Structure formats: structure tokens, C-alpha cells
Protein backbone atom coordinates (compact mmCIF):
# COMPACT_ATOMS: atom_id res chain seq x y z
CA ALA A 1 18.38 14.28 -58.32
CA LEU A 2 20.45 12.86 -61.13
CA ARG A 3 23.83 11.57 -59.97
CA LEU A 4 26.44 11.24 -62.69
CA PRO A 5 30.00 10.00 -62.33
CA ALA A 6 32.56 12.82 -62.32
CA ALA A 7 33.73 12.02 -65.88
CA GLU A 8 30.18 12.27 -67.21
CA GLN A 9 29.56 15.51 -65.30
CA ALA A 10 32.68 16.94 -66.93
CA LEU A 11 31.54 15.78 -70.36
CA LEU A 12 28.11 17.32 -69.82
CA ARG A 13 29.69 20.60 -68.75
CA GLU A 14 32.35 20.73 -71.50
CA GLU A 15 30.63 19.01 -74.45
CA PRO A 16 26.87 18.81 -73.92
CA ALA A 17 26.20 17.78 -77.53
CA ARG A 18 28.51 14.78 -77.20
CA PHE A 19 27.01 13.89 -73.81
CA TYR A 20 23.43 13.92 -75.15
CA ALA A 21 24.41 12.07 -78.35
CA ARG A 22 25.11 8.91 -76.34
CA VAL A 23 22.60 6.35 -75.10
CA PRO A 24 23.92 3.76 -72.65
CA ARG A 25 23.33 0.16 -73.74
CA ARG A 26 21.36 -0.56 -70.56
CA GLU A 27 18.88 2.15 -71.55
CA VAL A 28 18.60 0.68 -75.05
CA ALA A 29 17.79 -2.64 -73.38
CA GLU A 30 15.10 -0.92 -71.27
CA ILE A 31 13.53 0.54 -74.41
CA GLU A 32 13.60 -2.93 -76.00
CA ARG A 33 11.82 -4.39 -72.95
CA GLY A 34 9.27 -1.60 -73.13
CA LEU A 35 8.63 -2.30 -76.81
CA ARG A 36 8.07 -5.99 -76.04
CA ALA A 37 5.61 -5.02 -73.29
CA ILE A 38 3.71 -2.75 -75.68
CA GLU A 39 3.59 -5.50 -78.30
CA GLY A 40 2.26 -7.88 -75.63
CA ALA A 41 -0.43 -5.37 -74.73
CA ILE A 42 -1.42 -5.12 -78.39
CA ARG A 43 -1.68 -8.92 -78.67
CA ARG A 44 -3.80 -9.10 -75.50
CA HIS A 45 -6.01 -6.28 -76.74
CA GLU A 46 -6.55 -8.08 -80.05
CA ALA A 47 -7.25 -11.40 -78.31
CA ALA A 48 -9.77 -9.79 -75.97
CA GLU A 49 -11.82 -8.35 -78.82
CA PHE A 50 -14.14 -11.33 -79.04
CA LEU A 51 -14.22 -12.31 -75.36
CA THR A 52 -17.63 -12.00 -73.78
CA ALA A 53 -16.18 -11.99 -70.25
CA THR A 54 -14.91 -8.44 -70.78
CA GLY A 55 -18.45 -7.20 -71.16
CA LYS A 56 -19.91 -5.07 -73.90
CA VAL A 57 -17.34 -2.59 -75.17
CA ASP A 58 -18.15 0.11 -77.67
CA PRO A 59 -16.50 -0.87 -80.98
CA MET A 60 -15.35 2.71 -81.60
CA LEU A 61 -13.69 2.80 -78.17
CA ARG A 62 -11.84 -0.42 -79.02
CA ARG A 63 -10.66 1.05 -82.34
CA ARG A 64 -9.42 4.21 -80.60
CA GLN A 65 -7.56 2.08 -78.07
CA GLU A 66 -6.10 -0.02 -80.86
CA GLY A 67 -5.01 3.08 -82.75
CA LEU A 68 -3.39 4.55 -79.66
CA LEU A 69 -1.50 1.33 -78.96
CA GLU A 70 -0.24 1.32 -82.55
CA VAL A 71 0.98 4.92 -82.23
CA VAL A 72 2.79 4.07 -79.00
CA ARG A 73 4.38 1.03 -80.66
CA SER A 74 5.56 2.94 -83.75
CA THR A 75 6.92 5.80 -81.63
CA THR A 76 8.78 3.34 -79.42
CA GLN A 77 10.18 1.55 -82.48
CA ARG A 78 11.51 4.83 -83.89
CA THR A 79 12.95 5.75 -80.49
CA LEU A 80 14.65 2.36 -80.27
CA LEU A 81 16.21 2.77 -83.72
CA ALA A 82 17.59 6.18 -82.76
CA ALA A 83 18.82 4.87 -79.40
CA ARG A 84 20.62 1.99 -81.09
CA ARG A 85 22.41 4.41 -83.39
CA CYS A 86 23.41 6.58 -80.43
CA ALA A 87 24.52 3.54 -78.44
CA LEU A 88 27.33 3.08 -80.93
CA GLY A 89 28.82 6.35 -79.74
CA ALA A 90 28.39 5.31 -76.12
CA GLU A 91 31.15 2.77 -76.63
CA LEU A 92 33.68 5.60 -76.58
CA ARG A 93 35.36 6.25 -73.27
CA VAL A 94 33.78 9.24 -71.58
CA ASP A 95 37.14 10.70 -70.62
CA ALA A 96 38.64 10.26 -74.11
CA PRO A 97 39.00 13.42 -76.20
CA ALA A 98 36.49 13.82 -79.03
CA THR A 99 37.78 13.03 -82.49
CA LEU A 100 36.20 14.15 -85.72
């Protein structure tokens, strides 16, 4: 079960749009680490293309894997950009009244 501090529970209850518009910086950092891991997987996949130790791999299977990794990377990049924009709003105090 998700455990939120009382101030965040109140914000979720009273202003759900404001609550969901924020992304904590630690979560942005987790997305950044995930993106680096995906990019590492792409580099390893590219490097393994010509290794004979991996055995014979169908070239079409490799291309599908490569395409999937690229889709995951681009989706993660877009998610990270959105999270960074929303992290700016996370700097506001949770218990502060919303200002427009």
C-alpha cells in the first residue's frame, strides 16, 4: 500500500491535479538511471552483433530487438523530459496554497 505523508494525502484529496502534476526529484533521478541502463543495454546489444560466442542469431530477430530497445529509449527520454518539467513544480511546499 502507498504511504503518503499527511500533507501529501491532503493535497491528493483536495487538489488531485496539483498532486499528480508534481514529480519528486528522486523519481526524476530514478528515471535518469533507468535511461542510462537502457542506453547501456543498447550499446551491449550493438557490440554483441558480431560476436561468435553468442551463437547464431537470426538477423531479423536482432533487428526486432534493436527496434524495441530504441522504442524503449525514446519513450524513456520523453518521460524524463516531462518528469523534469513537473519536477519544477515539486519544489513548491506541499502545504502551501496554490497560486495561479
